[in-house]
Amino acid sequence: MHSIHPFGVTLDWVAPVTNSPAYRQKALVQDTSGLFSYVTKANGIALQAIHATLLVAGFDAQIDDAEDSVRYFRVLAAPAHPM
C-alpha cells in the first residue's frame, strides 16, 4: 500500500528465475546483459498484462512514470460494478 499520493496498491511481479544462482551472480556483478536483461523485460511485460487485465475487469488502475525509467503500476479502487 502506498502512503503517498496517489494512494493504492502497487503491483509487482518477480520472475522465479531471480532465485537461481545464475541470476544472483549476474546481479552481484551488475551484469545487465543476457539473463538480467531478459528478466527485466519480462517483468515489464507481465506488469503491463496484469494492469490491462485489471482495467478490463473494471478496476481503477494507473501507471505512474517516475525517474530513471521506473514505472509504478497501481490499483486505486475496486470495480464500481463488479462482474
PDB file of N, CA and C in Angstrom:
ATOM      1  N   MET A   1       0.846  -1.170   0.000  1.00  0.00           N
ATOM      2  CA  MET A   1       0.000   0.000   0.000  1.00  0.00           C
ATOM      3  C   MET A   1       0.892   1.233   0.000  1.00  0.00           C
ATOM      4  N   HIS A   2       0.634   2.164  -0.907  1.00  0.00           N
ATOM      5  CA  HIS A   2       1.411   3.389  -0.971  1.00  0.00           C
ATOM      6  C   HIS A   2       0.845   4.408   0.001  1.00  0.00           C
ATOM      7  N   SER A   3       1.704   5.054   0.734  1.00  0.00           N
ATOM      8  CA  SER A   3       1.259   6.033   1.719  1.00  0.00           C
ATOM      9  C   SER A   3       1.315   7.464   1.191  1.00  0.00           C
ATOM     10  N   ILE A   4       1.752   7.631  -0.066  1.00  0.00           N
ATOM     11  CA  ILE A   4       1.782   8.953  -0.675  1.00  0.00           C
ATOM     12  C   ILE A   4       0.780   8.994  -1.822  1.00  0.00           C
ATOM     13  N   HIS A   5       0.448  10.196  -2.272  1.00  0.00           N
ATOM     14  CA  HIS A   5      -0.498  10.327  -3.385  1.00  0.00           C
ATOM     15  C   HIS A   5       0.156   9.835  -4.669  1.00  0.00           C
ATOM     16  N   PRO A   6      -0.482   9.081  -5.536  1.00  0.00           N
ATOM     17  CA  PRO A   6      -1.820   8.534  -5.307  1.00  0.00           C
ATOM     18  C   PRO A   6      -1.754   7.296  -4.427  1.00  0.00           C
ATOM     19  N   PHE A   7      -2.693   7.192  -3.553  1.00  0.00           N
ATOM     20  CA  PHE A   7      -2.771   6.037  -2.672  1.00  0.00           C
ATOM     21  C   PHE A   7      -3.163   4.813  -3.475  1.00  0.00           C
ATOM     22  N   GLY A   8      -2.953   3.669  -2.926  1.00  0.00           N
ATOM     23  CA  GLY A   8      -3.361   2.453  -3.613  1.00  0.00           C
ATOM     24  C   GLY A   8      -2.335   1.353  -3.443  1.00  0.00           C
ATOM     25  N   VAL A   9      -2.618   0.259  -4.079  1.00  0.00           N
ATOM     26  CA  VAL A   9      -1.752  -0.910  -4.032  1.00  0.00           C
ATOM     27  C   VAL A   9      -0.831  -0.877  -5.243  1.00  0.00           C
ATOM     28  N   THR A  10       0.455  -1.074  -5.026  1.00  0.00           N
ATOM     29  CA  THR A  10       1.414  -1.108  -6.122  1.00  0.00           C
ATOM     30  C   THR A  10       1.616  -2.553  -6.547  1.00  0.00           C
ATOM     31  N   LEU A  11       1.461  -2.802  -7.846  1.00  0.00           N
ATOM     32  CA  LEU A  11       1.651  -4.152  -8.381  1.00  0.00           C
ATOM     33  C   LEU A  11       3.129  -4.435  -8.591  1.00  0.00           C
ATOM     34  N   ASP A  12       3.505  -5.673  -8.393  1.00  0.00           N
ATOM     35  CA  ASP A  12       4.864  -6.102  -8.682  1.00  0.00           C
ATOM     36  C   ASP A  12       4.812  -7.554  -9.129  1.00  0.00           C
ATOM     37  N   TRP A  13       5.812  -7.971  -9.849  1.00  0.00           N
ATOM     38  CA  TRP A  13       5.927  -9.356 -10.300  1.00  0.00           C
ATOM     39  C   TRP A  13       7.399  -9.735 -10.208  1.00  0.00           C
ATOM     40  N   VAL A  14       7.665 -10.897  -9.659  1.00  0.00           N
ATOM     41  CA  VAL A  14       9.040 -11.368  -9.518  1.00  0.00           C
ATOM     42  C   VAL A  14       9.173 -12.681 -10.277  1.00  0.00           C
ATOM     43  N   ALA A  15      10.075 -12.693 -11.235  1.00  0.00           N
ATOM     44  CA  ALA A  15      10.308 -13.906 -12.032  1.00  0.00           C
ATOM     45  C   ALA A  15      10.925 -14.989 -11.145  1.00  0.00           C
ATOM     46  N   PRO A  16      10.448 -16.221 -11.260  1.00  0.00           N
ATOM     47  CA  PRO A  16      11.011 -17.314 -10.445  1.00  0.00           C
ATOM     48  C   PRO A  16      12.516 -17.491 -10.624  1.00  0.00           C
ATOM     49  N   VAL A  17      13.035 -17.134 -11.788  1.00  0.00           N
ATOM     50  CA  VAL A  17      14.460 -17.315 -12.066  1.00  0.00           C
ATOM     51  C   VAL A  17      15.338 -16.417 -11.184  1.00  0.00           C
ATOM     52  N   THR A  18      14.753 -15.395 -10.571  1.00  0.00           N
ATOM     53  CA  THR A  18      15.558 -14.497  -9.737  1.00  0.00           C
ATOM     54  C   THR A  18      16.134 -15.201  -8.512  1.00  0.00           C
ATOM     55  N   ASN A  19      15.622 -16.376  -8.195  1.00  0.00           N
ATOM     56  CA  ASN A  19      16.171 -17.168  -7.084  1.00  0.00           C
ATOM     57  C   ASN A  19      17.288 -18.104  -7.522  1.00  0.00           C
ATOM     58  N   SER A  20      17.604 -18.125  -8.809  1.00  0.00           N
ATOM     59  CA  SER A  20      18.622 -19.049  -9.313  1.00  0.00           C
ATOM     60  C   SER A  20      20.028 -18.491  -9.069  1.00  0.00           C
ATOM     61  N   PRO A  21      20.996 -19.379  -8.890  1.00  0.00           N
ATOM     62  CA  PRO A  21      22.387 -18.930  -8.711  1.00  0.00           C
ATOM     63  C   PRO A  21      22.898 -18.105  -9.893  1.00  0.00           C
ATOM     64  N   ALA A  22      22.518 -18.472 -11.120  1.00  0.00           N
ATOM     65  CA  ALA A  22      22.981 -17.739 -12.302  1.00  0.00           C
ATOM     66  C   ALA A  22      22.494 -16.293 -12.280  1.00  0.00           C
ATOM     67  N   TYR A  23      21.235 -16.098 -11.927  1.00  0.00           N
ATOM     68  CA  TYR A  23      20.686 -14.740 -11.890  1.00  0.00           C
ATOM     69  C   TYR A  23      21.339 -13.937 -10.769  1.00  0.00           C
ATOM     70  N   ARG A  24      21.461 -14.538  -9.604  1.00  0.00           N
ATOM     71  CA  ARG A  24      22.065 -13.831  -8.468  1.00  0.00           C
ATOM     72  C   ARG A  24      23.495 -13.409  -8.768  1.00  0.00           C
ATOM     73  N   GLN A  25      24.230 -14.261  -9.455  1.00  0.00           N
ATOM     74  CA  GLN A  25      25.610 -13.925  -9.816  1.00  0.00           C
ATOM     75  C   GLN A  25      25.631 -12.726 -10.761  1.00  0.00           C
ATOM     76  N   LYS A  26      24.741 -12.711 -11.746  1.00  0.00           N
ATOM     77  CA  LYS A  26      24.655 -11.572 -12.669  1.00  0.00           C
ATOM     78  C   LYS A  26      24.325 -10.285 -11.899  1.00  0.00           C
ATOM     79  N   ALA A  27      23.407 -10.383 -10.955  1.00  0.00           N
ATOM     80  CA  ALA A  27      23.013  -9.212 -10.179  1.00  0.00           C
ATOM     81  C   ALA A  27      24.165  -8.724  -9.297  1.00  0.00           C
ATOM     82  N   LEU A  28      24.899  -9.642  -8.694  1.00  0.00           N
ATOM     83  CA  LEU A  28      26.009  -9.267  -7.812  1.00  0.00           C
ATOM     84  C   LEU A  28      27.108  -8.508  -8.548  1.00  0.00           C
ATOM     85  N   VAL A  29      27.404  -8.921  -9.762  1.00  0.00           N
ATOM     86  CA  VAL A  29      28.459  -8.254 -10.536  1.00  0.00           C
ATOM     87  C   VAL A  29      27.898  -7.140 -11.426  1.00  0.00           C
ATOM     88  N   GLN A  30      26.598  -6.879 -11.283  1.00  0.00           N
ATOM     89  CA  GLN A  30      25.891  -5.840 -12.030  1.00  0.00           C
ATOM     90  C   GLN A  30      26.026  -6.020 -13.544  1.00  0.00           C
ATOM     91  N   ASP A  31      25.941  -7.270 -13.985  1.00  0.00           N
ATOM     92  CA  ASP A  31      25.945  -7.598 -15.415  1.00  0.00           C
ATOM     93  C   ASP A  31      24.515  -7.498 -15.910  1.00  0.00           C
ATOM     94  N   THR A  32      24.203  -6.429 -16.631  1.00  0.00           N
ATOM     95  CA  THR A  32      22.824  -6.186 -17.062  1.00  0.00           C
ATOM     96  C   THR A  32      22.523  -6.756 -18.449  1.00  0.00           C
ATOM     97  N   SER A  33      23.409  -7.584 -18.976  1.00  0.00           N
ATOM     98  CA  SER A  33      23.173  -8.206 -20.281  1.00  0.00           C
ATOM     99  C   SER A  33      22.531  -9.581 -20.105  1.00  0.00           C
ATOM    100  N   GLY A  34      22.132 -10.184 -21.194  1.00  0.00           N
ATOM    101  CA  GLY A  34      21.628 -11.557 -21.181  1.00  0.00           C
ATOM    102  C   GLY A  34      20.481 -11.787 -20.236  1.00  0.00           C
ATOM    103  N   LEU A  35      20.655 -12.725 -19.325  1.00  0.00           N
ATOM    104  CA  LEU A  35      19.604 -13.158 -18.404  1.00  0.00           C
ATOM    105  C   LEU A  35      18.990 -11.989 -17.637  1.00  0.00           C
ATOM    106  N   PHE A  36      19.807 -11.121 -17.104  1.00  0.00           N
ATOM    107  CA  PHE A  36      19.301  -9.985 -16.328  1.00  0.00           C
ATOM    108  C   PHE A  36      18.396  -9.101 -17.190  1.00  0.00           C
ATOM    109  N   SER A  37      18.827  -8.846 -18.407  1.00  0.00           N
ATOM    110  CA  SER A  37      18.051  -8.028 -19.344  1.00  0.00           C
ATOM    111  C   SER A  37      16.726  -8.695 -19.687  1.00  0.00           C
ATOM    112  N   TYR A  38      16.749  -9.996 -19.925  1.00  0.00           N
ATOM    113  CA  TYR A  38      15.517 -10.731 -20.259  1.00  0.00           C
ATOM    114  C   TYR A  38      14.518 -10.691 -19.105  1.00  0.00           C
ATOM    115  N   VAL A  39      15.010 -10.844 -17.891  1.00  0.00           N
ATOM    116  CA  VAL A  39      14.125 -10.826 -16.720  1.00  0.00           C
ATOM    117  C   VAL A  39      13.506  -9.440 -16.556  1.00  0.00           C
ATOM    118  N   THR A  40      14.290  -8.399 -16.771  1.00  0.00           N
ATOM    119  CA  THR A  40      13.777  -7.031 -16.667  1.00  0.00           C
ATOM    120  C   THR A  40      12.671  -6.790 -17.697  1.00  0.00           C
ATOM    121  N   LYS A  41      12.893  -7.226 -18.926  1.00  0.00           N
ATOM    122  CA  LYS A  41      11.881  -7.062 -19.982  1.00  0.00           C
ATOM    123  C   LYS A  41      10.628  -7.879 -19.671  1.00  0.00           C
ATOM    124  N   ALA A  42      10.804  -9.110 -19.211  1.00  0.00           N
ATOM    125  CA  ALA A  42       9.663  -9.962 -18.871  1.00  0.00           C
ATOM    126  C   ALA A  42       8.860  -9.360 -17.727  1.00  0.00           C
ATOM    127  N   ASN A  43       9.540  -8.756 -16.774  1.00  0.00           N
ATOM    128  CA  ASN A  43       8.862  -8.107 -15.661  1.00  0.00           C
ATOM    129  C   ASN A  43       7.936  -7.007 -16.174  1.00  0.00           C
ATOM    130  N   GLY A  44       8.436  -6.174 -17.087  1.00  0.00           N
ATOM    131  CA  GLY A  44       7.611  -5.105 -17.650  1.00  0.00           C
ATOM    132  C   GLY A  44       6.420  -5.638 -18.416  1.00  0.00           C
ATOM    133  N   ILE A  45       6.627  -6.687 -19.189  1.00  0.00           N
ATOM    134  CA  ILE A  45       5.545  -7.292 -19.971  1.00  0.00           C
ATOM    135  C   ILE A  45       4.480  -7.881 -19.043  1.00  0.00           C
ATOM    136  N   ALA A  46       4.901  -8.581 -18.000  1.00  0.00           N
ATOM    137  CA  ALA A  46       3.952  -9.186 -17.058  1.00  0.00           C
ATOM    138  C   ALA A  46       3.125  -8.113 -16.352  1.00  0.00           C
ATOM    139  N   LEU A  47       3.768  -7.039 -15.914  1.00  0.00           N
ATOM    140  CA  LEU A  47       3.039  -5.975 -15.225  1.00  0.00           C
ATOM    141  C   LEU A  47       2.060  -5.270 -16.154  1.00  0.00           C
ATOM    142  N   GLN A  48       2.447  -5.056 -17.407  1.00  0.00           N
ATOM    143  CA  GLN A  48       1.525  -4.443 -18.363  1.00  0.00           C
ATOM    144  C   GLN A  48       0.314  -5.340 -18.610  1.00  0.00           C
ATOM    145  N   ALA A  49       0.530  -6.636 -18.686  1.00  0.00           N
ATOM    146  CA  ALA A  49      -0.580  -7.579 -18.898  1.00  0.00           C
ATOM    147  C   ALA A  49      -1.519  -7.599 -17.689  1.00  0.00           C
ATOM    148  N   ILE A  50      -0.945  -7.606 -16.490  1.00  0.00           N
ATOM    149  CA  ILE A  50      -1.776  -7.583 -15.273  1.00  0.00           C
ATOM    150  C   ILE A  50      -2.581  -6.291 -15.218  1.00  0.00           C
ATOM    151  N   HIS A  51      -1.930  -5.178 -15.509  1.00  0.00           N
ATOM    152  CA  HIS A  51      -2.593  -3.874 -15.495  1.00  0.00           C
ATOM    153  C   HIS A  51      -3.752  -3.835 -16.492  1.00  0.00           C
ATOM    154  N   ALA A  52      -3.512  -4.297 -17.709  1.00  0.00           N
ATOM    155  CA  ALA A  52      -4.562  -4.312 -18.740  1.00  0.00           C
ATOM    156  C   ALA A  52      -5.735  -5.193 -18.324  1.00  0.00           C
ATOM    157  N   THR A  53      -5.443  -6.324 -17.720  1.00  0.00           N
ATOM    158  CA  THR A  53      -6.493  -7.238 -17.260  1.00  0.00           C
ATOM    159  C   THR A  53      -7.345  -6.580 -16.178  1.00  0.00           C
ATOM    160  N   LEU A  54      -6.695  -5.895 -15.248  1.00  0.00           N
ATOM    161  CA  LEU A  54      -7.432  -5.213 -14.184  1.00  0.00           C
ATOM    162  C   LEU A  54      -8.317  -4.100 -14.743  1.00  0.00           C
ATOM    163  N   LEU A  55      -7.830  -3.371 -15.734  1.00  0.00           N
ATOM    164  CA  LEU A  55      -8.650  -2.323 -16.353  1.00  0.00           C
ATOM    165  C   LEU A  55      -9.893  -2.914 -17.011  1.00  0.00           C
ATOM    166  N   VAL A  56      -9.732  -4.007 -17.743  1.00  0.00           N
ATOM    167  CA  VAL A  56     -10.861  -4.664 -18.403  1.00  0.00           C
ATOM    168  C   VAL A  56     -11.859  -5.166 -17.363  1.00  0.00           C
ATOM    169  N   ALA A  57     -11.359  -5.591 -16.216  1.00  0.00           N
ATOM    170  CA  ALA A  57     -12.238  -6.090 -15.150  1.00  0.00           C
ATOM    171  C   ALA A  57     -12.920  -4.958 -14.387  1.00  0.00           C
ATOM    172  N   GLY A  58     -12.574  -3.719 -14.702  1.00  0.00           N
ATOM    173  CA  GLY A  58     -13.269  -2.591 -14.093  1.00  0.00           C
ATOM    174  C   GLY A  58     -12.555  -1.930 -12.930  1.00  0.00           C
ATOM    175  N   PHE A  59     -11.353  -2.358 -12.614  1.00  0.00           N
ATOM    176  CA  PHE A  59     -10.603  -1.731 -11.533  1.00  0.00           C
ATOM    177  C   PHE A  59     -10.114  -0.348 -11.971  1.00  0.00           C
ATOM    178  N   ASP A  60      -9.968   0.544 -11.013  1.00  0.00           N
ATOM    179  CA  ASP A  60      -9.355   1.841 -11.261  1.00  0.00           C
ATOM    180  C   ASP A  60      -7.855   1.641 -11.083  1.00  0.00           C
ATOM    181  N   ALA A  61      -7.129   1.630 -12.182  1.00  0.00           N
ATOM    182  CA  ALA A  61      -5.696   1.357 -12.146  1.00  0.00           C
ATOM    183  C   ALA A  61      -4.971   2.391 -12.997  1.00  0.00           C
ATOM    184  N   GLN A  62      -3.734   2.653 -12.638  1.00  0.00           N
ATOM    185  CA  GLN A  62      -2.958   3.612 -13.412  1.00  0.00           C
ATOM    186  C   GLN A  62      -1.489   3.233 -13.404  1.00  0.00           C
ATOM    187  N   ILE A  63      -0.749   3.852 -14.324  1.00  0.00           N
ATOM    188  CA  ILE A  63       0.696   3.672 -14.399  1.00  0.00           C
ATOM    189  C   ILE A  63       1.334   5.025 -14.172  1.00  0.00           C
ATOM    190  N   ASP A  64       2.234   5.106 -13.194  1.00  0.00           N
ATOM    191  CA  ASP A  64       2.999   6.329 -12.945  1.00  0.00           C
ATOM    192  C   ASP A  64       4.401   6.145 -13.473  1.00  0.00           C
ATOM    193  N   ASP A  65       4.827   7.046 -14.344  1.00  0.00           N
ATOM    194  CA  ASP A  65       6.205   7.036 -14.825  1.00  0.00           C
ATOM    195  C   ASP A  65       7.033   7.904 -13.897  1.00  0.00           C
ATOM    196  N   ALA A  66       8.036   7.293 -13.287  1.00  0.00           N
ATOM    197  CA  ALA A  66       8.915   8.005 -12.359  1.00  0.00           C
ATOM    198  C   ALA A  66      10.266   8.231 -13.040  1.00  0.00           C
ATOM    199  N   GLU A  67      11.220   8.678 -12.274  1.00  0.00           N
ATOM    200  CA  GLU A  67      12.559   8.917 -12.803  1.00  0.00           C
ATOM    201  C   GLU A  67      13.254   7.613 -13.172  1.00  0.00           C
ATOM    202  N   ASP A  68      14.260   7.714 -14.014  1.00  0.00           N
ATOM    203  CA  ASP A  68      15.112   6.580 -14.391  1.00  0.00           C
ATOM    204  C   ASP A  68      14.341   5.405 -14.980  1.00  0.00           C
ATOM    205  N   SER A  69      13.320   5.684 -15.787  1.00  0.00           N
ATOM    206  CA  SER A  69      12.540   4.655 -16.472  1.00  0.00           C
ATOM    207  C   SER A  69      11.810   3.710 -15.524  1.00  0.00           C
ATOM    208  N   VAL A  70      11.571   4.132 -14.304  1.00  0.00           N
ATOM    209  CA  VAL A  70      10.817   3.333 -13.334  1.00  0.00           C
ATOM    210  C   VAL A  70       9.337   3.597 -13.537  1.00  0.00           C
ATOM    211  N   ARG A  71       8.564   2.539 -13.539  1.00  0.00           N
ATOM    212  CA  ARG A  71       7.111   2.668 -13.683  1.00  0.00           C
ATOM    213  C   ARG A  71       6.446   2.009 -12.487  1.00  0.00           C
ATOM    214  N   TYR A  72       5.462   2.701 -11.923  1.00  0.00           N
ATOM    215  CA  TYR A  72       4.674   2.147 -10.820  1.00  0.00           C
ATOM    216  C   TYR A  72       3.297   1.789 -11.364  1.00  0.00           C
ATOM    217  N   PHE A  73       2.919   0.539 -11.224  1.00  0.00           N
ATOM    218  CA  PHE A  73       1.606   0.059 -11.637  1.00  0.00           C
ATOM    219  C   PHE A  73       0.751   0.020 -10.379  1.00  0.00           C
ATOM    220  N   ARG A  74      -0.314   0.812 -10.368  1.00  0.00           N
ATOM    221  CA  ARG A  74      -1.132   0.952  -9.151  1.00  0.00           C
ATOM    222  C   ARG A  74      -2.579   0.534  -9.390  1.00  0.00           C
ATOM    223  N   VAL A  75      -3.167  -0.015  -8.344  1.00  0.00           N
ATOM    224  CA  VAL A  75      -4.607  -0.259  -8.298  1.00  0.00           C
ATOM    225  C   VAL A  75      -5.144   0.702  -7.250  1.00  0.00           C
ATOM    226  N   LEU A  76      -6.019   1.599  -7.683  1.00  0.00           N
ATOM    227  CA  LEU A  76      -6.533   2.640  -6.788  1.00  0.00           C
ATOM    228  C   LEU A  76      -7.879   2.296  -6.172  1.00  0.00           C
ATOM    229  N   ALA A  77      -8.689   1.498  -6.892  1.00  0.00           N
ATOM    230  CA  ALA A  77     -10.004   1.166  -6.349  1.00  0.00           C
ATOM    231  C   ALA A  77     -10.550  -0.096  -7.034  1.00  0.00           C
ATOM    232  N   ALA A  78     -11.397  -0.777  -6.294  1.00  0.00           N
ATOM    233  CA  ALA A  78     -12.081  -1.953  -6.836  1.00  0.00           C
ATOM    234  C   ALA A  78     -13.124  -1.493  -7.863  1.00  0.00           C
ATOM    235  N   PRO A  79     -13.633  -2.397  -8.689  1.00  0.00           N
ATOM    236  CA  PRO A  79     -14.639  -2.018  -9.676  1.00  0.00           C
ATOM    237  C   PRO A  79     -15.901  -1.449  -9.006  1.00  0.00           C
ATOM    238  N   ALA A  80     -16.435  -0.398  -9.612  1.00  0.00           N
ATOM    239  CA  ALA A  80     -17.692   0.178  -9.109  1.00  0.00           C
ATOM    240  C   ALA A  80     -18.850  -0.798  -9.312  1.00  0.00           C
ATOM    241  N   HIS A  81     -18.786  -1.564 -10.405  1.00  0.00           N
ATOM    242  CA  HIS A  81     -19.813  -2.539 -10.734  1.00  0.00           C
ATOM    243  C   HIS A  81     -19.136  -3.858 -11.019  1.00  0.00           C
ATOM    244  N   PRO A  82     -18.905  -4.681  -9.985  1.00  0.00           N
ATOM    245  CA  PRO A  82     -18.218  -5.958 -10.197  1.00  0.00           C
ATOM    246  C   PRO A  82     -18.934  -6.838 -11.216  1.00  0.00           C
ATOM    247  N   MET A  83     -18.165  -7.630 -11.910  1.00  0.00           N
ATOM    248  CA  MET A  83     -18.724  -8.514 -12.944  1.00  0.00           C
ATOM    249  C   MET A  83     -19.658  -9.538 -12.344  1.00  0.00           C
TER     250      MET A  83
END
